[in-house]
Amino acid sequence: MNAKELKAKSTVELKQEIKDLLRAQFSLRMQLSTQQTNKSHELRKTRRDIARVRTVMWEQKLSAGN
């Protein structure tokens, strides 16, 4: 996922995307804590994707205000 793809999405789609990413992050945390997976890099990737979506949402909010 990159910022170009996210900027093309609407606010509703971005909210759904962040909801899905937060669920995925929770699932990964639970899997790591119960040692069901060893893909710790996926957690980092998910955190960065969440930050990326939130940044795009913030940019859209600022541009709508001006």
PDB file of N, CA and C in Angstrom:
ATOM      1  N   MET A   1       0.844  -1.169   0.000  1.00  0.00           N
ATOM      2  CA  MET A   1       0.000   0.000   0.000  1.00  0.00           C
ATOM      3  C   MET A   1       0.894   1.239   0.000  1.00  0.00           C
ATOM      4  N   ASN A   2       0.613   2.162  -0.905  1.00  0.00           N
ATOM      5  CA  ASN A   2       1.382   3.395  -0.902  1.00  0.00           C
ATOM      6  C   ASN A   2       0.439   4.600  -0.815  1.00  0.00           C
ATOM      7  N   ALA A   3       1.032   5.759  -0.613  1.00  0.00           N
ATOM      8  CA  ALA A   3       0.245   6.963  -0.381  1.00  0.00           C
ATOM      9  C   ALA A   3      -0.575   7.355  -1.607  1.00  0.00           C
ATOM     10  N   LYS A   4      -0.080   7.085  -2.802  1.00  0.00           N
ATOM     11  CA  LYS A   4      -0.834   7.428  -4.012  1.00  0.00           C
ATOM     12  C   LYS A   4      -2.166   6.693  -4.056  1.00  0.00           C
ATOM     13  N   GLU A   5      -2.127   5.418  -3.735  1.00  0.00           N
ATOM     14  CA  GLU A   5      -3.354   4.624  -3.730  1.00  0.00           C
ATOM     15  C   GLU A   5      -4.324   5.134  -2.678  1.00  0.00           C
ATOM     16  N   LEU A   6      -3.800   5.517  -1.529  1.00  0.00           N
ATOM     17  CA  LEU A   6      -4.650   5.982  -0.441  1.00  0.00           C
ATOM     18  C   LEU A   6      -5.269   7.339  -0.744  1.00  0.00           C
ATOM     19  N   LYS A   7      -4.529   8.209  -1.401  1.00  0.00           N
ATOM     20  CA  LYS A   7      -5.051   9.544  -1.705  1.00  0.00           C
ATOM     21  C   LYS A   7      -6.209   9.487  -2.694  1.00  0.00           C
ATOM     22  N   ALA A   8      -6.275   8.415  -3.458  1.00  0.00           N
ATOM     23  CA  ALA A   8      -7.360   8.258  -4.432  1.00  0.00           C
ATOM     24  C   ALA A   8      -8.657   7.780  -3.778  1.00  0.00           C
ATOM     25  N   LYS A   9      -8.577   7.317  -2.528  1.00  0.00           N
ATOM     26  CA  LYS A   9      -9.750   6.785  -1.846  1.00  0.00           C
ATOM     27  C   LYS A   9     -10.528   7.890  -1.143  1.00  0.00           C
ATOM     28  N   SER A  10     -11.806   7.615  -0.920  1.00  0.00           N
ATOM     29  CA  SER A  10     -12.654   8.567  -0.209  1.00  0.00           C
ATOM     30  C   SER A  10     -12.455   8.406   1.295  1.00  0.00           C
ATOM     31  N   THR A  11     -13.045   9.309   2.056  1.00  0.00           N
ATOM     32  CA  THR A  11     -12.930   9.272   3.508  1.00  0.00           C
ATOM     33  C   THR A  11     -13.559   8.006   4.076  1.00  0.00           C
ATOM     34  N   VAL A  12     -14.673   7.604   3.528  1.00  0.00           N
ATOM     35  CA  VAL A  12     -15.351   6.392   4.005  1.00  0.00           C
ATOM     36  C   VAL A  12     -14.472   5.159   3.767  1.00  0.00           C
ATOM     37  N   GLU A  13     -13.861   5.097   2.593  1.00  0.00           N
ATOM     38  CA  GLU A  13     -12.976   3.976   2.287  1.00  0.00           C
ATOM     39  C   GLU A  13     -11.752   3.968   3.190  1.00  0.00           C
ATOM     40  N   LEU A  14     -11.231   5.145   3.503  1.00  0.00           N
ATOM     41  CA  LEU A  14     -10.074   5.228   4.392  1.00  0.00           C
ATOM     42  C   LEU A  14     -10.433   4.788   5.806  1.00  0.00           C
ATOM     43  N   LYS A  15     -11.620   5.159   6.260  1.00  0.00           N
ATOM     44  CA  LYS A  15     -12.053   4.729   7.598  1.00  0.00           C
ATOM     45  C   LYS A  15     -12.187   3.216   7.653  1.00  0.00           C
ATOM     46  N   GLN A  16     -12.715   2.619   6.597  1.00  0.00           N
ATOM     47  CA  GLN A  16     -12.829   1.159   6.551  1.00  0.00           C
ATOM     48  C   GLN A  16     -11.444   0.518   6.513  1.00  0.00           C
ATOM     49  N   GLU A  17     -10.542   1.122   5.778  1.00  0.00           N
ATOM     50  CA  GLU A  17      -9.173   0.610   5.675  1.00  0.00           C
ATOM     51  C   GLU A  17      -8.484   0.616   7.035  1.00  0.00           C
ATOM     52  N   ILE A  18      -8.643   1.699   7.775  1.00  0.00           N
ATOM     53  CA  ILE A  18      -7.998   1.788   9.082  1.00  0.00           C
ATOM     54  C   ILE A  18      -8.624   0.796  10.055  1.00  0.00           C
ATOM     55  N   LYS A  19      -9.927   0.579   9.933  1.00  0.00           N
ATOM     56  CA  LYS A  19     -10.594  -0.404  10.793  1.00  0.00           C
ATOM     57  C   LYS A  19     -10.037  -1.803  10.519  1.00  0.00           C
ATOM     58  N   ASP A  20      -9.866  -2.133   9.245  1.00  0.00           N
ATOM     59  CA  ASP A  20      -9.321  -3.437   8.877  1.00  0.00           C
ATOM     60  C   ASP A  20      -7.881  -3.599   9.357  1.00  0.00           C
ATOM     61  N   LEU A  21      -7.096  -2.538   9.228  1.00  0.00           N
ATOM     62  CA  LEU A  21      -5.703  -2.604   9.668  1.00  0.00           C
ATOM     63  C   LEU A  21      -5.590  -2.757  11.179  1.00  0.00           C
ATOM     64  N   LEU A  22      -6.453  -2.083  11.921  1.00  0.00           N
ATOM     65  CA  LEU A  22      -6.424  -2.209  13.378  1.00  0.00           C
ATOM     66  C   LEU A  22      -6.798  -3.631  13.807  1.00  0.00           C
ATOM     67  N   ARG A  23      -7.757  -4.232  13.109  1.00  0.00           N
ATOM     68  CA  ARG A  23      -8.106  -5.632  13.399  1.00  0.00           C
ATOM     69  C   ARG A  23      -6.935  -6.558  13.102  1.00  0.00           C
ATOM     70  N   ALA A  24      -6.267  -6.313  11.974  1.00  0.00           N
ATOM     71  CA  ALA A  24      -5.118  -7.134  11.597  1.00  0.00           C
ATOM     72  C   ALA A  24      -3.994  -6.979  12.622  1.00  0.00           C
ATOM     73  N   GLN A  25      -3.796  -5.747  13.092  1.00  0.00           N
ATOM     74  CA  GLN A  25      -2.749  -5.504  14.091  1.00  0.00           C
ATOM     75  C   GLN A  25      -3.064  -6.267  15.381  1.00  0.00           C
ATOM     76  N   PHE A  26      -4.308  -6.232  15.811  1.00  0.00           N
ATOM     77  CA  PHE A  26      -4.693  -6.948  17.018  1.00  0.00           C
ATOM     78  C   PHE A  26      -4.463  -8.448  16.849  1.00  0.00           C
ATOM     79  N   SER A  27      -4.872  -8.961  15.708  1.00  0.00           N
ATOM     80  CA  SER A  27      -4.698 -10.386  15.439  1.00  0.00           C
ATOM     81  C   SER A  27      -3.220 -10.775  15.451  1.00  0.00           C
ATOM     82  N   LEU A  28      -2.381  -9.962  14.830  1.00  0.00           N
ATOM     83  CA  LEU A  28      -0.947 -10.249  14.817  1.00  0.00           C
ATOM     84  C   LEU A  28      -0.349 -10.202  16.220  1.00  0.00           C
ATOM     85  N   ARG A  29      -0.795  -9.234  17.021  1.00  0.00           N
ATOM     86  CA  ARG A  29      -0.289  -9.156  18.394  1.00  0.00           C
ATOM     87  C   ARG A  29      -0.657 -10.400  19.177  1.00  0.00           C
ATOM     88  N   MET A  30      -1.879 -10.862  19.005  1.00  0.00           N
ATOM     89  CA  MET A  30      -2.314 -12.064  19.718  1.00  0.00           C
ATOM     90  C   MET A  30      -1.535 -13.296  19.238  1.00  0.00           C
ATOM     91  N   GLN A  31      -1.315 -13.402  17.949  1.00  0.00           N
ATOM     92  CA  GLN A  31      -0.562 -14.532  17.418  1.00  0.00           C
ATOM     93  C   GLN A  31       0.875 -14.530  17.933  1.00  0.00           C
ATOM     94  N   LEU A  32       1.482 -13.343  18.004  1.00  0.00           N
ATOM     95  CA  LEU A  32       2.850 -13.263  18.508  1.00  0.00           C
ATOM     96  C   LEU A  32       2.926 -13.595  19.992  1.00  0.00           C
ATOM     97  N   SER A  33       1.940 -13.139  20.754  1.00  0.00           N
ATOM     98  CA  SER A  33       1.979 -13.378  22.193  1.00  0.00           C
ATOM     99  C   SER A  33       1.741 -14.852  22.532  1.00  0.00           C
ATOM    100  N   THR A  34       0.971 -15.547  21.709  1.00  0.00           N
ATOM    101  CA  THR A  34       0.733 -16.967  21.949  1.00  0.00           C
ATOM    102  C   THR A  34       1.690 -17.846  21.153  1.00  0.00           C
ATOM    103  N   GLN A  35       2.634 -17.238  20.505  1.00  0.00           N
ATOM    104  CA  GLN A  35       3.683 -17.906  19.726  1.00  0.00           C
ATOM    105  C   GLN A  35       3.117 -18.798  18.623  1.00  0.00           C
ATOM    106  N   GLN A  36       2.055 -18.330  17.986  1.00  0.00           N
ATOM    107  CA  GLN A  36       1.475 -19.067  16.861  1.00  0.00           C
ATOM    108  C   GLN A  36       2.137 -18.681  15.547  1.00  0.00           C
ATOM    109  N   THR A  37       2.889 -17.592  15.545  1.00  0.00           N
ATOM    110  CA  THR A  37       3.575 -17.154  14.339  1.00  0.00           C
ATOM    111  C   THR A  37       4.920 -16.565  14.721  1.00  0.00           C
ATOM    112  N   ASN A  38       5.796 -16.491  13.764  1.00  0.00           N
ATOM    113  CA  ASN A  38       7.082 -15.850  14.002  1.00  0.00           C
ATOM    114  C   ASN A  38       7.318 -14.713  13.006  1.00  0.00           C
ATOM    115  N   LYS A  39       6.254 -14.198  12.438  1.00  0.00           N
ATOM    116  CA  LYS A  39       6.340 -13.117  11.453  1.00  0.00           C
ATOM    117  C   LYS A  39       6.209 -11.763  12.148  1.00  0.00           C
ATOM    118  N   SER A  40       7.195 -11.419  12.933  1.00  0.00           N
ATOM    119  CA  SER A  40       7.136 -10.160  13.663  1.00  0.00           C
ATOM    120  C   SER A  40       7.245  -8.958  12.725  1.00  0.00           C
ATOM    121  N   HIS A  41       7.795  -9.156  11.537  1.00  0.00           N
ATOM    122  CA  HIS A  41       7.907  -8.055  10.587  1.00  0.00           C
ATOM    123  C   HIS A  41       6.534  -7.594  10.086  1.00  0.00           C
ATOM    124  N   GLU A  42       5.557  -8.477  10.111  1.00  0.00           N
ATOM    125  CA  GLU A  42       4.209  -8.109   9.672  1.00  0.00           C
ATOM    126  C   GLU A  42       3.586  -7.073  10.605  1.00  0.00           C
ATOM    127  N   LEU A  43       3.892  -7.157  11.888  1.00  0.00           N
ATOM    128  CA  LEU A  43       3.369  -6.188  12.849  1.00  0.00           C
ATOM    129  C   LEU A  43       3.907  -4.791  12.546  1.00  0.00           C
ATOM    130  N   ARG A  44       5.182  -4.707  12.259  1.00  0.00           N
ATOM    131  CA  ARG A  44       5.797  -3.421  11.915  1.00  0.00           C
ATOM    132  C   ARG A  44       5.187  -2.849  10.638  1.00  0.00           C
ATOM    133  N   LYS A  45       4.996  -3.701   9.650  1.00  0.00           N
ATOM    134  CA  LYS A  45       4.401  -3.267   8.378  1.00  0.00           C
ATOM    135  C   LYS A  45       2.986  -2.734   8.595  1.00  0.00           C
ATOM    136  N   THR A  46       2.220  -3.433   9.428  1.00  0.00           N
ATOM    137  CA  THR A  46       0.843  -3.026   9.705  1.00  0.00           C
ATOM    138  C   THR A  46       0.809  -1.688  10.434  1.00  0.00           C
ATOM    139  N   ARG A  47       1.695  -1.500  11.413  1.00  0.00           N
ATOM    140  CA  ARG A  47       1.754  -0.228  12.136  1.00  0.00           C
ATOM    141  C   ARG A  47       2.050   0.928  11.190  1.00  0.00           C
ATOM    142  N   ARG A  48       2.957   0.711  10.268  1.00  0.00           N
ATOM    143  CA  ARG A  48       3.312   1.763   9.310  1.00  0.00           C
ATOM    144  C   ARG A  48       2.172   2.045   8.337  1.00  0.00           C
ATOM    145  N   ASP A  49       1.442   1.015   7.957  1.00  0.00           N
ATOM    146  CA  ASP A  49       0.279   1.213   7.087  1.00  0.00           C
ATOM    147  C   ASP A  49      -0.794   2.030   7.798  1.00  0.00           C
ATOM    148  N   ILE A  50      -0.996   1.753   9.091  1.00  0.00           N
ATOM    149  CA  ILE A  50      -1.961   2.525   9.877  1.00  0.00           C
ATOM    150  C   ILE A  50      -1.547   3.988   9.916  1.00  0.00           C
ATOM    151  N   ALA A  51      -0.283   4.238  10.160  1.00  0.00           N
ATOM    152  CA  ALA A  51       0.212   5.614  10.198  1.00  0.00           C
ATOM    153  C   ALA A  51       0.047   6.286   8.842  1.00  0.00           C
ATOM    154  N   ARG A  52       0.275   5.547   7.778  1.00  0.00           N
ATOM    155  CA  ARG A  52       0.142   6.093   6.427  1.00  0.00           C
ATOM    156  C   ARG A  52      -1.302   6.500   6.149  1.00  0.00           C
ATOM    157  N   VAL A  53      -2.243   5.653   6.536  1.00  0.00           N
ATOM    158  CA  VAL A  53      -3.668   5.961   6.314  1.00  0.00           C
ATOM    159  C   VAL A  53      -4.073   7.176   7.140  1.00  0.00           C
ATOM    160  N   ARG A  54      -3.643   7.219   8.392  1.00  0.00           N
ATOM    161  CA  ARG A  54      -3.987   8.355   9.243  1.00  0.00           C
ATOM    162  C   ARG A  54      -3.396   9.655   8.712  1.00  0.00           C
ATOM    163  N   THR A  55      -2.209   9.597   8.141  1.00  0.00           N
ATOM    164  CA  THR A  55      -1.592  10.786   7.560  1.00  0.00           C
ATOM    165  C   THR A  55      -2.392  11.291   6.369  1.00  0.00           C
ATOM    166  N   VAL A  56      -2.821  10.386   5.511  1.00  0.00           N
ATOM    167  CA  VAL A  56      -3.617  10.779   4.342  1.00  0.00           C
ATOM    168  C   VAL A  56      -4.951  11.363   4.790  1.00  0.00           C
ATOM    169  N   MET A  57      -5.561  10.765   5.822  1.00  0.00           N
ATOM    170  CA  MET A  57      -6.819  11.301   6.337  1.00  0.00           C
ATOM    171  C   MET A  57      -6.614  12.713   6.878  1.00  0.00           C
ATOM    172  N   TRP A  58      -5.503  12.941   7.569  1.00  0.00           N
ATOM    173  CA  TRP A  58      -5.198  14.262   8.122  1.00  0.00           C
ATOM    174  C   TRP A  58      -4.981  15.268   6.998  1.00  0.00           C
ATOM    175  N   GLU A  59      -4.264  14.867   5.952  1.00  0.00           N
ATOM    176  CA  GLU A  59      -4.034  15.757   4.813  1.00  0.00           C
ATOM    177  C   GLU A  59      -5.354  16.137   4.154  1.00  0.00           C
ATOM    178  N   GLN A  60      -6.259  15.177   4.005  1.00  0.00           N
ATOM    179  CA  GLN A  60      -7.545  15.465   3.399  1.00  0.00           C
ATOM    180  C   GLN A  60      -8.355  16.413   4.263  1.00  0.00           C
ATOM    181  N   LYS A  61      -8.267  16.238   5.566  1.00  0.00           N
ATOM    182  CA  LYS A  61      -8.979  17.121   6.478  1.00  0.00           C
ATOM    183  C   LYS A  61      -8.456  18.549   6.384  1.00  0.00           C
ATOM    184  N   LEU A  62      -7.143  18.691   6.312  1.00  0.00           N
ATOM    185  CA  LEU A  62      -6.540  20.026   6.205  1.00  0.00           C
ATOM    186  C   LEU A  62      -6.881  20.690   4.869  1.00  0.00           C
ATOM    187  N   SER A  63      -6.864  19.916   3.796  1.00  0.00           N
ATOM    188  CA  SER A  63      -7.157  20.510   2.488  1.00  0.00           C
ATOM    189  C   SER A  63      -8.639  20.883   2.370  1.00  0.00           C
ATOM    190  N   ALA A  64      -9.515  20.156   3.061  1.00  0.00           N
ATOM    191  CA  ALA A  64     -10.929  20.491   3.025  1.00  0.00           C
ATOM    192  C   ALA A  64     -11.218  21.756   3.816  1.00  0.00           C
ATOM    193  N   GLY A  65     -10.401  22.019   4.827  1.00  0.00           N
ATOM    194  CA  GLY A  65     -10.591  23.200   5.653  1.00  0.00           C
ATOM    195  C   GLY A  65     -10.162  24.482   4.971  1.00  0.00           C
ATOM    196  N   ASN A  66      -9.264  24.380   4.017  1.00  0.00           N
ATOM    197  CA  ASN A  66      -8.750  25.585   3.348  1.00  0.00           C
ATOM    198  C   ASN A  66      -9.525  25.935   2.132  1.00  0.00           C
TER     199      ASN A  66
END
